[in-house]
């Protein structure tokens, strides 16, 4: 399986997980010139910008290696672009989550307010 197909599979699993938790998916793979956010979703009065990590060989403890300061900045910059483009969400609280899925174990960890 190539990396694009693997990424799509991980995002599909994350979307299913979030929808079961009553999140409304607003956008997937939202792009700006500075980066991409895997999933943008809403719960109550919050907008969550979600990074998905779907790994074969790493464990949850290795997550710190996946989201460095450069990646966080790209996600935050892209979230700002989203809020300019979709101003109906400007009064919502914002947060940045990570959904970590292990292909090896099938575990799902949802880190709310990860950064």
PDB file of N, CA and C in Angstrom:
ATOM      1  N   UNK A   1       0.850  -1.173   0.000  1.00  0.00           N
ATOM      2  CA  UNK A   1       0.000   0.000   0.000  1.00  0.00           C
ATOM      3  C   UNK A   1       0.897   1.237   0.000  1.00  0.00           C
ATOM      4  N   UNK A   2       0.650   2.149  -0.936  1.00  0.00           N
ATOM      5  CA  UNK A   2       1.471   3.356  -0.974  1.00  0.00           C
ATOM      6  C   UNK A   2       1.074   4.301   0.154  1.00  0.00           C
ATOM      7  N   UNK A   3       1.900   5.305   0.392  1.00  0.00           N
ATOM      8  CA  UNK A   3       1.688   6.193   1.542  1.00  0.00           C
ATOM      9  C   UNK A   3       0.401   7.005   1.422  1.00  0.00           C
ATOM     10  N   UNK A   4       0.022   7.366   0.207  1.00  0.00           N
ATOM     11  CA  UNK A   4      -1.218   8.132   0.024  1.00  0.00           C
ATOM     12  C   UNK A   4      -2.445   7.283   0.392  1.00  0.00           C
ATOM     13  N   UNK A   5      -2.462   6.031  -0.057  1.00  0.00           N
ATOM     14  CA  UNK A   5      -3.572   5.126   0.269  1.00  0.00           C
ATOM     15  C   UNK A   5      -3.606   4.828   1.766  1.00  0.00           C
ATOM     16  N   UNK A   6      -2.422   4.652   2.350  1.00  0.00           N
ATOM     17  CA  UNK A   6      -2.343   4.404   3.787  1.00  0.00           C
ATOM     18  C   UNK A   6      -2.864   5.608   4.566  1.00  0.00           C
ATOM     19  N   UNK A   7      -2.487   6.808   4.139  1.00  0.00           N
ATOM     20  CA  UNK A   7      -2.960   8.024   4.795  1.00  0.00           C
ATOM     21  C   UNK A   7      -4.468   8.154   4.702  1.00  0.00           C
ATOM     22  N   UNK A   8      -5.007   7.859   3.534  1.00  0.00           N
ATOM     23  CA  UNK A   8      -6.462   7.921   3.335  1.00  0.00           C
ATOM     24  C   UNK A   8      -7.176   6.914   4.236  1.00  0.00           C
ATOM     25  N   UNK A   9      -6.608   5.716   4.350  1.00  0.00           N
ATOM     26  CA  UNK A   9      -7.197   4.699   5.222  1.00  0.00           C
ATOM     27  C   UNK A   9      -7.212   5.178   6.677  1.00  0.00           C
ATOM     28  N   UNK A  10      -6.114   5.743   7.120  1.00  0.00           N
ATOM     29  CA  UNK A  10      -6.039   6.265   8.482  1.00  0.00           C
ATOM     30  C   UNK A  10      -7.032   7.382   8.720  1.00  0.00           C
ATOM     31  N   UNK A  11      -7.148   8.284   7.754  1.00  0.00           N
ATOM     32  CA  UNK A  11      -8.103   9.395   7.888  1.00  0.00           C
ATOM     33  C   UNK A  11      -9.540   8.884   7.898  1.00  0.00           C
ATOM     34  N   UNK A  12      -9.838   7.874   7.078  1.00  0.00           N
ATOM     35  CA  UNK A  12     -11.181   7.283   7.081  1.00  0.00           C
ATOM     36  C   UNK A  12     -11.515   6.688   8.448  1.00  0.00           C
ATOM     37  N   UNK A  13     -10.550   5.988   9.041  1.00  0.00           N
ATOM     38  CA  UNK A  13     -10.760   5.420  10.374  1.00  0.00           C
ATOM     39  C   UNK A  13     -10.957   6.516  11.421  1.00  0.00           C
ATOM     40  N   UNK A  14     -10.166   7.582  11.310  1.00  0.00           N
ATOM     41  CA  UNK A  14     -10.292   8.697  12.256  1.00  0.00           C
ATOM     42  C   UNK A  14     -11.650   9.380  12.113  1.00  0.00           C
ATOM     43  N   UNK A  15     -12.107   9.573  10.883  1.00  0.00           N
ATOM     44  CA  UNK A  15     -13.423  10.181  10.656  1.00  0.00           C
ATOM     45  C   UNK A  15     -14.511   9.314  11.281  1.00  0.00           C
ATOM     46  N   UNK A  16     -14.452   8.015  11.067  1.00  0.00           N
ATOM     47  CA  UNK A  16     -15.445   7.105  11.663  1.00  0.00           C
ATOM     48  C   UNK A  16     -15.441   7.210  13.185  1.00  0.00           C
ATOM     49  N   UNK A  17     -14.251   7.238  13.749  1.00  0.00           N
ATOM     50  CA  UNK A  17     -14.111   7.371  15.197  1.00  0.00           C
ATOM     51  C   UNK A  17     -14.737   8.682  15.689  1.00  0.00           C
ATOM     52  N   UNK A  18     -14.401   9.788  15.029  1.00  0.00           N
ATOM     53  CA  UNK A  18     -14.916  11.095  15.452  1.00  0.00           C
ATOM     54  C   UNK A  18     -16.432  11.188  15.287  1.00  0.00           C
ATOM     55  N   UNK A  19     -16.951  10.660  14.201  1.00  0.00           N
ATOM     56  CA  UNK A  19     -18.401  10.689  13.986  1.00  0.00           C
ATOM     57  C   UNK A  19     -19.139   9.888  15.058  1.00  0.00           C
ATOM     58  N   UNK A  20     -18.554   8.784  15.495  1.00  0.00           N
ATOM     59  CA  UNK A  20     -19.167   8.004  16.583  1.00  0.00           C
ATOM     60  C   UNK A  20     -19.190   8.793  17.883  1.00  0.00           C
ATOM     61  N   UNK A  21     -18.278   9.739  18.003  1.00  0.00           N
ATOM     62  CA  UNK A  21     -18.217  10.604  19.187  1.00  0.00           C
ATOM     63  C   UNK A  21     -19.051  11.881  18.990  1.00  0.00           C
ATOM     64  N   UNK A  22     -19.881  11.903  17.960  1.00  0.00           N
ATOM     65  CA  UNK A  22     -20.793  13.017  17.644  1.00  0.00           C
ATOM     66  C   UNK A  22     -20.100  14.290  17.158  1.00  0.00           C
ATOM     67  N   UNK A  23     -18.944  14.149  16.548  1.00  0.00           N
ATOM     68  CA  UNK A  23     -18.312  15.276  15.883  1.00  0.00           C
ATOM     69  C   UNK A  23     -18.911  15.400  14.487  1.00  0.00           C
ATOM     70  N   UNK A  24     -19.091  16.621  14.049  1.00  0.00           N
ATOM     71  CA  UNK A  24     -19.556  16.871  12.683  1.00  0.00           C
ATOM     72  C   UNK A  24     -18.324  17.214  11.842  1.00  0.00           C
ATOM     73  N   UNK A  25     -18.084  16.450  10.810  1.00  0.00           N
ATOM     74  CA  UNK A  25     -16.917  16.679   9.952  1.00  0.00           C
ATOM     75  C   UNK A  25     -17.245  17.846   9.016  1.00  0.00           C
ATOM     76  N   UNK A  26     -16.418  18.874   9.048  1.00  0.00           N
ATOM     77  CA  UNK A  26     -16.610  20.051   8.191  1.00  0.00           C
ATOM     78  C   UNK A  26     -15.781  19.960   6.918  1.00  0.00           C
ATOM     79  N   UNK A  27     -14.535  19.559   7.052  1.00  0.00           N
ATOM     80  CA  UNK A  27     -13.620  19.468   5.907  1.00  0.00           C
ATOM     81  C   UNK A  27     -12.609  18.352   6.143  1.00  0.00           C
ATOM     82  N   UNK A  28     -12.191  17.770   5.037  1.00  0.00           N
ATOM     83  CA  UNK A  28     -11.078  16.815   5.065  1.00  0.00           C
ATOM     84  C   UNK A  28     -10.001  17.327   4.126  1.00  0.00           C
ATOM     85  N   UNK A  29      -8.765  17.146   4.524  1.00  0.00           N
ATOM     86  CA  UNK A  29      -7.612  17.547   3.710  1.00  0.00           C
ATOM     87  C   UNK A  29      -7.729  18.993   3.250  1.00  0.00           C
ATOM     88  N   UNK A  30      -7.992  19.874   4.196  1.00  0.00           N
ATOM     89  CA  UNK A  30      -8.133  21.296   3.890  1.00  0.00           C
ATOM     90  C   UNK A  30      -6.747  21.889   3.660  1.00  0.00           C
ATOM     91  N   UNK A  31      -6.576  22.494   2.492  1.00  0.00           N
ATOM     92  CA  UNK A  31      -5.273  23.006   2.078  1.00  0.00           C
ATOM     93  C   UNK A  31      -5.229  24.527   2.097  1.00  0.00           C
ATOM     94  N   UNK A  32      -4.074  25.026   2.443  1.00  0.00           N
ATOM     95  CA  UNK A  32      -3.738  26.430   2.243  1.00  0.00           C
ATOM     96  C   UNK A  32      -2.355  26.453   1.614  1.00  0.00           C
ATOM     97  N   UNK A  33      -1.874  27.624   1.316  1.00  0.00           N
ATOM     98  CA  UNK A  33      -0.532  27.662   0.719  1.00  0.00           C
ATOM     99  C   UNK A  33       0.560  27.318   1.730  1.00  0.00           C
ATOM    100  N   UNK A  34       0.207  27.323   3.018  1.00  0.00           N
ATOM    101  CA  UNK A  34       1.208  27.012   4.041  1.00  0.00           C
ATOM    102  C   UNK A  34       1.151  25.570   4.529  1.00  0.00           C
ATOM    103  N   UNK A  35       0.066  24.862   4.242  1.00  0.00           N
ATOM    104  CA  UNK A  35      -0.009  23.499   4.733  1.00  0.00           C
ATOM    105  C   UNK A  35      -1.375  22.878   4.563  1.00  0.00           C
ATOM    106  N   UNK A  36      -1.598  21.824   5.324  1.00  0.00           N
ATOM    107  CA  UNK A  36      -2.837  21.056   5.237  1.00  0.00           C
ATOM    108  C   UNK A  36      -3.271  20.635   6.635  1.00  0.00           C
ATOM    109  N   UNK A  37      -4.585  20.581   6.825  1.00  0.00           N
ATOM    110  CA  UNK A  37      -5.163  20.001   8.028  1.00  0.00           C
ATOM    111  C   UNK A  37      -5.930  18.763   7.589  1.00  0.00           C
ATOM    112  N   UNK A  38      -5.666  17.640   8.232  1.00  0.00           N
ATOM    113  CA  UNK A  38      -6.288  16.384   7.817  1.00  0.00           C
ATOM    114  C   UNK A  38      -7.807  16.416   7.965  1.00  0.00           C
ATOM    115  N   UNK A  39      -8.284  16.827   9.142  1.00  0.00           N
ATOM    116  CA  UNK A  39      -9.718  16.852   9.415  1.00  0.00           C
ATOM    117  C   UNK A  39     -10.042  18.119  10.195  1.00  0.00           C
ATOM    118  N   UNK A  40     -11.098  18.786   9.782  1.00  0.00           N
ATOM    119  CA  UNK A  40     -11.646  19.903  10.554  1.00  0.00           C
ATOM    120  C   UNK A  40     -13.056  19.492  10.941  1.00  0.00           C
ATOM    121  N   UNK A  41     -13.328  19.531  12.244  1.00  0.00           N
ATOM    122  CA  UNK A  41     -14.638  19.082  12.707  1.00  0.00           C
ATOM    123  C   UNK A  41     -15.155  20.000  13.806  1.00  0.00           C
ATOM    124  N   UNK A  42     -16.419  19.788  14.099  1.00  0.00           N
ATOM    125  CA  UNK A  42     -17.098  20.643  15.072  1.00  0.00           C
ATOM    126  C   UNK A  42     -17.759  19.772  16.133  1.00  0.00           C
ATOM    127  N   UNK A  43     -17.677  20.236  17.350  1.00  0.00           N
ATOM    128  CA  UNK A  43     -18.429  19.655  18.445  1.00  0.00           C
ATOM    129  C   UNK A  43     -18.910  20.804  19.322  1.00  0.00           C
ATOM    130  N   UNK A  44     -20.214  20.886  19.499  1.00  0.00           N
ATOM    131  CA  UNK A  44     -20.817  21.982  20.260  1.00  0.00           C
ATOM    132  C   UNK A  44     -20.315  23.323  19.734  1.00  0.00           C
ATOM    133  N   UNK A  45     -19.635  24.087  20.583  1.00  0.00           N
ATOM    134  CA  UNK A  45     -19.152  25.411  20.163  1.00  0.00           C
ATOM    135  C   UNK A  45     -17.643  25.429  19.933  1.00  0.00           C
ATOM    136  N   UNK A  46     -17.076  24.275  19.592  1.00  0.00           N
ATOM    137  CA  UNK A  46     -15.636  24.174  19.332  1.00  0.00           C
ATOM    138  C   UNK A  46     -15.380  23.660  17.916  1.00  0.00           C
ATOM    139  N   UNK A  47     -14.317  24.193  17.333  1.00  0.00           N
ATOM    140  CA  UNK A  47     -13.804  23.693  16.065  1.00  0.00           C
ATOM    141  C   UNK A  47     -12.472  23.006  16.388  1.00  0.00           C
ATOM    142  N   UNK A  48     -12.347  21.762  15.959  1.00  0.00           N
ATOM    143  CA  UNK A  48     -11.107  21.015  16.183  1.00  0.00           C
ATOM    144  C   UNK A  48     -10.396  20.825  14.848  1.00  0.00           C
ATOM    145  N   UNK A  49      -9.137  21.191  14.818  1.00  0.00           N
ATOM    146  CA  UNK A  49      -8.261  20.958  13.676  1.00  0.00           C
ATOM    147  C   UNK A  49      -7.452  19.713  14.042  1.00  0.00           C
ATOM    148  N   UNK A  50      -7.654  18.653  13.280  1.00  0.00           N
ATOM    149  CA  UNK A  50      -7.162  17.336  13.685  1.00  0.00           C
ATOM    150  C   UNK A  50      -6.067  16.836  12.741  1.00  0.00           C
ATOM    151  N   UNK A  51      -4.952  16.491  13.322  1.00  0.00           N
ATOM    152  CA  UNK A  51      -3.870  15.822  12.610  1.00  0.00           C
ATOM    153  C   UNK A  51      -4.015  14.322  12.868  1.00  0.00           C
ATOM    154  N   UNK A  52      -3.929  13.528  11.808  1.00  0.00           N
ATOM    155  CA  UNK A  52      -4.066  12.078  11.926  1.00  0.00           C
ATOM    156  C   UNK A  52      -2.704  11.437  11.706  1.00  0.00           C
ATOM    157  N   UNK A  53      -2.346  10.538  12.595  1.00  0.00           N
ATOM    158  CA  UNK A  53      -1.114   9.760  12.464  1.00  0.00           C
ATOM    159  C   UNK A  53      -1.491   8.290  12.483  1.00  0.00           C
ATOM    160  N   UNK A  54      -1.148   7.594  11.407  1.00  0.00           N
ATOM    161  CA  UNK A  54      -1.497   6.185  11.218  1.00  0.00           C
ATOM    162  C   UNK A  54      -0.211   5.436  10.930  1.00  0.00           C
ATOM    163  N   UNK A  55       0.314   4.762  11.942  1.00  0.00           N
ATOM    164  CA  UNK A  55       1.646   4.196  11.859  1.00  0.00           C
ATOM    165  C   UNK A  55       1.642   2.683  11.952  1.00  0.00           C
ATOM    166  N   UNK A  56       2.608   2.088  11.265  1.00  0.00           N
ATOM    167  CA  UNK A  56       2.797   0.640  11.310  1.00  0.00           C
ATOM    168  C   UNK A  56       3.673   0.216  12.485  1.00  0.00           C
ATOM    169  N   UNK A  57       4.771   0.922  12.688  1.00  0.00           N
ATOM    170  CA  UNK A  57       5.816   0.415  13.568  1.00  0.00           C
ATOM    171  C   UNK A  57       6.052   1.227  14.834  1.00  0.00           C
ATOM    172  N   UNK A  58       5.424   2.356  14.941  1.00  0.00           N
ATOM    173  CA  UNK A  58       5.642   3.194  16.113  1.00  0.00           C
ATOM    174  C   UNK A  58       4.494   3.029  17.087  1.00  0.00           C
ATOM    175  N   UNK A  59       4.760   3.338  18.316  1.00  0.00           N
ATOM    176  CA  UNK A  59       3.740   3.285  19.342  1.00  0.00           C
ATOM    177  C   UNK A  59       3.332   4.698  19.728  1.00  0.00           C
ATOM    178  N   UNK A  60       2.298   4.771  20.518  1.00  0.00           N
ATOM    179  CA  UNK A  60       1.755   6.044  20.976  1.00  0.00           C
ATOM    180  C   UNK A  60       2.834   6.919  21.611  1.00  0.00           C
ATOM    181  N   UNK A  61       3.759   6.311  22.296  1.00  0.00           N
ATOM    182  CA  UNK A  61       4.820   7.071  22.973  1.00  0.00           C
ATOM    183  C   UNK A  61       5.722   7.805  21.982  1.00  0.00           C
ATOM    184  N   UNK A  62       5.718   7.388  20.724  1.00  0.00           N
ATOM    185  CA  UNK A  62       6.565   7.999  19.702  1.00  0.00           C
ATOM    186  C   UNK A  62       5.909   9.191  19.009  1.00  0.00           C
ATOM    187  N   UNK A  63       4.723   9.549  19.446  1.00  0.00           N
ATOM    188  CA  UNK A  63       3.975  10.614  18.791  1.00  0.00           C
ATOM    189  C   UNK A  63       4.733  11.939  18.774  1.00  0.00           C
ATOM    190  N   UNK A  64       5.526  12.182  19.796  1.00  0.00           N
ATOM    191  CA  UNK A  64       6.269  13.441  19.869  1.00  0.00           C
ATOM    192  C   UNK A  64       7.170  13.644  18.647  1.00  0.00           C
ATOM    193  N   UNK A  65       7.565  12.560  17.999  1.00  0.00           N
ATOM    194  CA  UNK A  65       8.425  12.680  16.827  1.00  0.00           C
ATOM    195  C   UNK A  65       7.655  13.098  15.578  1.00  0.00           C
ATOM    196  N   UNK A  66       6.351  12.966  15.605  1.00  0.00           N
ATOM    197  CA  UNK A  66       5.534  13.207  14.411  1.00  0.00           C
ATOM    198  C   UNK A  66       5.090  14.645  14.263  1.00  0.00           C
ATOM    199  N   UNK A  67       4.941  15.347  15.371  1.00  0.00           N
ATOM    200  CA  UNK A  67       4.383  16.688  15.306  1.00  0.00           C
ATOM    201  C   UNK A  67       5.375  17.661  15.919  1.00  0.00           C
ATOM    202  N   UNK A  68       6.310  18.067  15.096  1.00  0.00           N
ATOM    203  CA  UNK A  68       7.331  19.000  15.564  1.00  0.00           C
ATOM    204  C   UNK A  68       6.817  20.437  15.438  1.00  0.00           C
ATOM    205  N   UNK A  69       7.612  21.393  15.807  1.00  0.00           N
ATOM    206  CA  UNK A  69       7.165  22.788  15.807  1.00  0.00           C
ATOM    207  C   UNK A  69       6.846  23.282  14.403  1.00  0.00           C
ATOM    208  N   UNK A  70       7.548  22.818  13.401  1.00  0.00           N
ATOM    209  CA  UNK A  70       7.260  23.220  12.022  1.00  0.00           C
ATOM    210  C   UNK A  70       5.884  22.723  11.595  1.00  0.00           C
ATOM    211  N   UNK A  71       5.576  21.472  11.901  1.00  0.00           N
ATOM    212  CA  UNK A  71       4.273  20.895  11.557  1.00  0.00           C
ATOM    213  C   UNK A  71       3.156  21.619  12.307  1.00  0.00           C
ATOM    214  N   UNK A  72       3.369  21.900  13.579  1.00  0.00           N
ATOM    215  CA  UNK A  72       2.356  22.632  14.359  1.00  0.00           C
ATOM    216  C   UNK A  72       2.099  24.004  13.757  1.00  0.00           C
ATOM    217  N   UNK A  73       3.152  24.705  13.367  1.00  0.00           N
ATOM    218  CA  UNK A  73       2.991  26.042  12.778  1.00  0.00           C
ATOM    219  C   UNK A  73       2.191  25.965  11.483  1.00  0.00           C
ATOM    220  N   UNK A  74       2.461  24.976  10.657  1.00  0.00           N
ATOM    221  CA  UNK A  74       1.703  24.830   9.401  1.00  0.00           C
ATOM    222  C   UNK A  74       0.221  24.586   9.665  1.00  0.00           C
ATOM    223  N   UNK A  75      -0.071  23.761  10.652  1.00  0.00           N
ATOM    224  CA  UNK A  75      -1.464  23.479  10.995  1.00  0.00           C
ATOM    225  C   UNK A  75      -2.147  24.741  11.523  1.00  0.00           C
ATOM    226  N   UNK A  76      -1.479  25.466  12.402  1.00  0.00           N
ATOM    227  CA  UNK A  76      -2.054  26.704  12.948  1.00  0.00           C
ATOM    228  C   UNK A  76      -2.256  27.732  11.839  1.00  0.00           C
ATOM    229  N   UNK A  77      -1.284  27.902  10.972  1.00  0.00           N
ATOM    230  CA  UNK A  77      -1.425  28.853   9.862  1.00  0.00           C
ATOM    231  C   UNK A  77      -2.588  28.459   8.950  1.00  0.00           C
ATOM    232  N   UNK A  78      -2.737  27.178   8.675  1.00  0.00           N
ATOM    233  CA  UNK A  78      -3.832  26.712   7.827  1.00  0.00           C
ATOM    234  C   UNK A  78      -5.167  26.908   8.535  1.00  0.00           C
ATOM    235  N   UNK A  79      -5.201  26.735   9.837  1.00  0.00           N
ATOM    236  CA  UNK A  79      -6.446  26.960  10.579  1.00  0.00           C
ATOM    237  C   UNK A  79      -6.854  28.438  10.504  1.00  0.00           C
ATOM    238  N   UNK A  80      -5.898  29.321  10.521  1.00  0.00           N
ATOM    239  CA  UNK A  80      -6.210  30.760  10.388  1.00  0.00           C
ATOM    240  C   UNK A  80      -6.818  31.060   9.021  1.00  0.00           C
ATOM    241  N   UNK A  81      -6.276  30.443   8.005  1.00  0.00           N
ATOM    242  CA  UNK A  81      -6.827  30.608   6.657  1.00  0.00           C
ATOM    243  C   UNK A  81      -8.263  30.073   6.606  1.00  0.00           C
ATOM    244  N   UNK A  82      -8.503  28.924   7.224  1.00  0.00           N
ATOM    245  CA  UNK A  82      -9.853  28.361   7.272  1.00  0.00           C
ATOM    246  C   UNK A  82     -10.822  29.359   7.909  1.00  0.00           C
ATOM    247  N   UNK A  83     -10.416  29.978   9.006  1.00  0.00           N
ATOM    248  CA  UNK A  83     -11.306  30.908   9.719  1.00  0.00           C
ATOM    249  C   UNK A  83     -11.561  32.189   8.933  1.00  0.00           C
ATOM    250  N   UNK A  84     -10.619  32.613   8.120  1.00  0.00           N
ATOM    251  CA  UNK A  84     -10.837  33.759   7.239  1.00  0.00           C
ATOM    252  C   UNK A  84     -11.817  33.382   6.127  1.00  0.00           C
ATOM    253  N   UNK A  85     -11.641  32.198   5.604  1.00  0.00           N
ATOM    254  CA  UNK A  85     -12.491  31.743   4.500  1.00  0.00           C
ATOM    255  C   UNK A  85     -13.913  31.401   4.953  1.00  0.00           C
ATOM    256  N   UNK A  86     -14.047  30.860   6.141  1.00  0.00           N
ATOM    257  CA  UNK A  86     -15.344  30.431   6.676  1.00  0.00           C
ATOM    258  C   UNK A  86     -15.634  31.203   7.962  1.00  0.00           C
ATOM    259  N   UNK A  87     -16.011  32.450   7.805  1.00  0.00           N
ATOM    260  CA  UNK A  87     -16.178  33.339   8.947  1.00  0.00           C
ATOM    261  C   UNK A  87     -17.339  32.969   9.859  1.00  0.00           C
ATOM    262  N   UNK A  88     -18.219  32.099   9.426  1.00  0.00           N
ATOM    263  CA  UNK A  88     -19.313  31.670  10.295  1.00  0.00           C
ATOM    264  C   UNK A  88     -18.796  30.910  11.525  1.00  0.00           C
ATOM    265  N   UNK A  89     -17.535  30.509  11.498  1.00  0.00           N
ATOM    266  CA  UNK A  89     -16.949  29.794  12.630  1.00  0.00           C
ATOM    267  C   UNK A  89     -16.060  30.686  13.503  1.00  0.00           C
ATOM    268  N   UNK A  90     -16.020  31.964  13.228  1.00  0.00           N
ATOM    269  CA  UNK A  90     -15.078  32.842  13.932  1.00  0.00           C
ATOM    270  C   UNK A  90     -15.344  32.978  15.427  1.00  0.00           C
ATOM    271  N   UNK A  91     -16.576  32.719  15.886  1.00  0.00           N
ATOM    272  CA  UNK A  91     -16.880  32.843  17.311  1.00  0.00           C
ATOM    273  C   UNK A  91     -16.757  31.521  18.074  1.00  0.00           C
ATOM    274  N   UNK A  92     -16.335  30.486  17.380  1.00  0.00           N
ATOM    275  CA  UNK A  92     -16.167  29.192  18.023  1.00  0.00           C
ATOM    276  C   UNK A  92     -14.819  29.139  18.742  1.00  0.00           C
ATOM    277  N   UNK A  93     -14.762  28.337  19.778  1.00  0.00           N
ATOM    278  CA  UNK A  93     -13.473  28.076  20.418  1.00  0.00           C
ATOM    279  C   UNK A  93     -12.689  27.135  19.508  1.00  0.00           C
ATOM    280  N   UNK A  94     -11.385  27.272  19.519  1.00  0.00           N
ATOM    281  CA  UNK A  94     -10.522  26.471  18.652  1.00  0.00           C
ATOM    282  C   UNK A  94      -9.673  25.529  19.483  1.00  0.00           C
ATOM    283  N   UNK A  95      -9.363  24.417  18.867  1.00  0.00           N
ATOM    284  CA  UNK A  95      -8.405  23.521  19.499  1.00  0.00           C
ATOM    285  C   UNK A  95      -7.711  22.704  18.421  1.00  0.00           C
ATOM    286  N   UNK A  96      -6.589  22.128  18.804  1.00  0.00           N
ATOM    287  CA  UNK A  96      -5.765  21.337  17.891  1.00  0.00           C
ATOM    288  C   UNK A  96      -5.596  19.947  18.500  1.00  0.00           C
ATOM    289  N   UNK A  97      -6.159  18.962  17.815  1.00  0.00           N
ATOM    290  CA  UNK A  97      -6.164  17.591  18.301  1.00  0.00           C
ATOM    291  C   UNK A  97      -5.262  16.719  17.433  1.00  0.00           C
ATOM    292  N   UNK A  98      -4.929  15.560  17.965  1.00  0.00           N
ATOM    293  CA  UNK A  98      -4.226  14.532  17.203  1.00  0.00           C
ATOM    294  C   UNK A  98      -4.974  13.224  17.428  1.00  0.00           C
ATOM    295  N   UNK A  99      -5.256  12.529  16.333  1.00  0.00           N
ATOM    296  CA  UNK A  99      -5.777  11.170  16.426  1.00  0.00           C
ATOM    297  C   UNK A  99      -4.654  10.253  15.959  1.00  0.00           C
ATOM    298  N   UNK A 100      -4.203   9.413  16.871  1.00  0.00           N
ATOM    299  CA  UNK A 100      -3.120   8.477  16.601  1.00  0.00           C
ATOM    300  C   UNK A 100      -3.721   7.082  16.484  1.00  0.00           C
ATOM    301  N   UNK A 101      -3.478   6.436  15.356  1.00  0.00           N
ATOM    302  CA  UNK A 101      -3.978   5.084  15.111  1.00  0.00           C
ATOM    303  C   UNK A 101      -2.789   4.169  14.873  1.00  0.00           C
ATOM    304  N   UNK A 102      -2.797   3.038  15.535  1.00  0.00           N
ATOM    305  CA  UNK A 102      -1.736   2.058  15.350  1.00  0.00           C
ATOM    306  C   UNK A 102      -2.244   0.958  14.430  1.00  0.00           C
ATOM    307  N   UNK A 103      -1.625   0.811  13.283  1.00  0.00           N
ATOM    308  CA  UNK A 103      -2.009  -0.273  12.371  1.00  0.00           C
ATOM    309  C   UNK A 103      -1.696  -1.628  12.982  1.00  0.00           C
ATOM    310  N   UNK A 104      -0.667  -1.674  13.777  1.00  0.00           N
ATOM    311  CA  UNK A 104      -0.221  -2.943  14.361  1.00  0.00           C
ATOM    312  C   UNK A 104      -1.195  -3.448  15.414  1.00  0.00           C
ATOM    313  N   UNK A 105      -1.673  -2.557  16.287  1.00  0.00           N
ATOM    314  CA  UNK A 105      -2.529  -2.981  17.403  1.00  0.00           C
ATOM    315  C   UNK A 105      -3.990  -2.603  17.222  1.00  0.00           C
ATOM    316  N   UNK A 106      -4.274  -1.660  16.323  1.00  0.00           N
ATOM    317  CA  UNK A 106      -5.647  -1.196  16.144  1.00  0.00           C
ATOM    318  C   UNK A 106      -6.086  -0.167  17.175  1.00  0.00           C
ATOM    319  N   UNK A 107      -5.178   0.213  18.056  1.00  0.00           N
ATOM    320  CA  UNK A 107      -5.517   1.202  19.084  1.00  0.00           C
ATOM    321  C   UNK A 107      -5.739   2.578  18.470  1.00  0.00           C
ATOM    322  N   UNK A 108      -6.653   3.333  19.092  1.00  0.00           N
ATOM    323  CA  UNK A 108      -6.904   4.718  18.697  1.00  0.00           C
ATOM    324  C   UNK A 108      -6.760   5.573  19.943  1.00  0.00           C
ATOM    325  N   UNK A 109      -5.943   6.610  19.825  1.00  0.00           N
ATOM    326  CA  UNK A 109      -5.786   7.589  20.901  1.00  0.00           C
ATOM    327  C   UNK A 109      -6.176   8.946  20.340  1.00  0.00           C
ATOM    328  N   UNK A 110      -7.072   9.620  21.019  1.00  0.00           N
ATOM    329  CA  UNK A 110      -7.493  10.962  20.605  1.00  0.00           C
ATOM    330  C   UNK A 110      -6.970  11.942  21.654  1.00  0.00           C
ATOM    331  N   UNK A 111      -6.004  12.720  21.246  1.00  0.00           N
ATOM    332  CA  UNK A 111      -5.423  13.734  22.140  1.00  0.00           C
ATOM    333  C   UNK A 111      -6.123  15.060  21.875  1.00  0.00           C
ATOM    334  N   UNK A 112      -6.958  15.465  22.804  1.00  0.00           N
ATOM    335  CA  UNK A 112      -7.692  16.717  22.700  1.00  0.00           C
ATOM    336  C   UNK A 112      -6.781  17.839  23.204  1.00  0.00           C
ATOM    337  N   UNK A 113      -6.745  18.949  22.470  1.00  0.00           N
ATOM    338  CA  UNK A 113      -5.842  20.064  22.811  1.00  0.00           C
ATOM    339  C   UNK A 113      -4.397  19.591  22.884  1.00  0.00           C
ATOM    340  N   UNK A 114      -3.985  18.856  21.875  1.00  0.00           N
ATOM    341  CA  UNK A 114      -2.631  18.279  21.865  1.00  0.00           C
ATOM    342  C   UNK A 114      -1.544  19.349  21.820  1.00  0.00           C
ATOM    343  N   UNK A 115      -1.850  20.487  21.184  1.00  0.00           N
ATOM    344  CA  UNK A 115      -0.885  21.594  21.151  1.00  0.00           C
ATOM    345  C   UNK A 115      -1.603  22.895  20.985  1.00  0.00           C
TER     346      UNK A 115
END
